[in-house]
Protein backbone atom coordinates (compact mmCIF):
# COMPACT_ATOMS: atom_id res chain seq x y z
CA UNK A 1 0.00 0.00 0.00
CA UNK A 2 2.84 2.41 0.81
CA UNK A 3 4.45 1.69 -2.56
CA UNK A 4 1.26 2.61 -4.43
CA UNK A 5 1.00 5.87 -2.52
CA UNK A 6 4.64 6.74 -3.29
CA UNK A 7 4.15 5.81 -6.93
CA UNK A 8 1.04 7.99 -7.16
CA UNK A 9 2.87 10.88 -5.48
CA UNK A 10 5.67 10.54 -8.05
CA UNK A 11 3.09 10.67 -10.86
CA UNK A 12 1.50 13.79 -9.38
CA UNK A 13 4.90 15.44 -9.02
CA UNK A 14 5.69 14.67 -12.66
CA UNK A 15 2.36 16.10 -13.80
CA UNK A 16 3.01 19.30 -11.85
CA UNK A 17 6.48 19.55 -13.34
CA UNK A 18 5.09 19.04 -16.85
CA UNK A 19 2.46 21.73 -16.36
CA UNK A 20 5.07 24.12 -14.96
CA UNK A 21 7.44 23.41 -17.86
CA UNK A 22 4.63 24.08 -20.36
CA UNK A 23 3.87 27.42 -18.69
CA UNK A 24 7.56 28.38 -18.61
CA UNK A 25 7.97 27.34 -22.22
CA UNK A 26 5.05 29.53 -23.28
CA UNK A 27 6.50 32.56 -21.50
CA UNK A 28 9.94 31.96 -22.99
CA UNK A 29 8.50 31.64 -26.50
CA UNK A 30 6.82 35.02 -26.05
CA UNK A 31 10.08 36.57 -24.81
CA UNK A 32 11.96 35.29 -27.87
CA UNK A 33 9.24 36.58 -30.20
CA UNK A 34 9.40 40.00 -28.55
CA UNK A 35 13.19 40.06 -28.85
CA UNK A 36 13.04 39.17 -32.53
CA UNK A 37 10.41 41.84 -33.13
CA UNK A 38 12.50 44.63 -31.59
CA UNK A 39 15.94 43.77 -32.95
CA UNK A 40 17.27 45.39 -36.10
CA UNK A 41 16.95 42.67 -38.74
CA UNK A 42 19.69 44.20 -40.91
CA UNK A 43 22.21 44.37 -38.08
CA UNK A 44 21.29 40.84 -37.06
CA UNK A 45 21.70 39.46 -40.59
CA UNK A 46 25.02 41.26 -41.06
CA UNK A 47 26.37 39.87 -37.78
CA UNK A 48 25.39 36.35 -38.77
CA UNK A 49 26.92 36.81 -42.23
CA UNK A 50 30.15 37.82 -40.50
CA UNK A 51 30.14 34.55 -38.56
CA UNK A 52 29.40 32.57 -41.71
CA UNK A 53 32.07 34.33 -43.78
CA UNK A 54 34.70 33.79 -41.09
CA UNK A 55 33.75 30.12 -40.78
CA UNK A 56 33.89 29.55 -44.54
CA UNK A 57 37.19 31.41 -44.82
CA UNK A 58 38.82 29.57 -41.94
CA UNK A 59 39.24 32.80 -40.00
CA UNK A 60 39.01 33.46 -36.30
CA UNK A 61 35.34 33.08 -35.38
CA UNK A 62 35.50 34.57 -31.89
CA UNK A 63 35.34 38.29 -32.80
CA UNK A 64 32.44 37.60 -35.16
CA UNK A 65 30.58 35.51 -32.62
CA UNK A 66 31.05 38.18 -29.96
CA UNK A 67 29.76 40.80 -32.38
CA UNK A 68 26.75 38.63 -33.20
CA UNK A 69 25.72 38.06 -29.60
CA UNK A 70 26.39 41.50 -28.15
CA UNK A 71 23.56 43.79 -27.16
CA UNK A 72 23.66 45.57 -30.50
CA UNK A 73 22.73 42.71 -32.80
CA UNK A 74 20.71 40.63 -30.33
CA UNK A 75 21.49 37.49 -32.32
CA UNK A 76 20.79 34.33 -30.39
CA UNK A 77 23.43 31.71 -29.79
CA UNK A 78 21.28 29.26 -31.73
CA UNK A 79 21.27 31.52 -34.77
CA UNK A 80 25.06 31.74 -34.67
CA UNK A 81 25.36 27.98 -34.36
CA UNK A 82 23.04 27.51 -37.34
CA UNK A 83 25.14 29.88 -39.46
CA UNK A 84 28.36 28.19 -38.40
CA UNK A 85 26.94 24.81 -39.40
CA UNK A 86 25.60 26.13 -42.71
CA UNK A 87 21.90 25.66 -41.90
């Protein structure tokens, strides 16, 4: 009987965690959308092109990555990774 109660409590805890994660995910999605809406698309694209050009040319990526993720371009780390990998 104790085992069933512990098992049920574990299920309830997992359900709460799932609901919390869904709520957090929704808020984070909205934050990313807002960030993308307010950033300068031209500056963002140019910063990512700089990363891509450096990667294709075998140059030092670090200055280009830092430029892409600074407060000016607001490029996300994922965007930079996608450019570096040619996606």
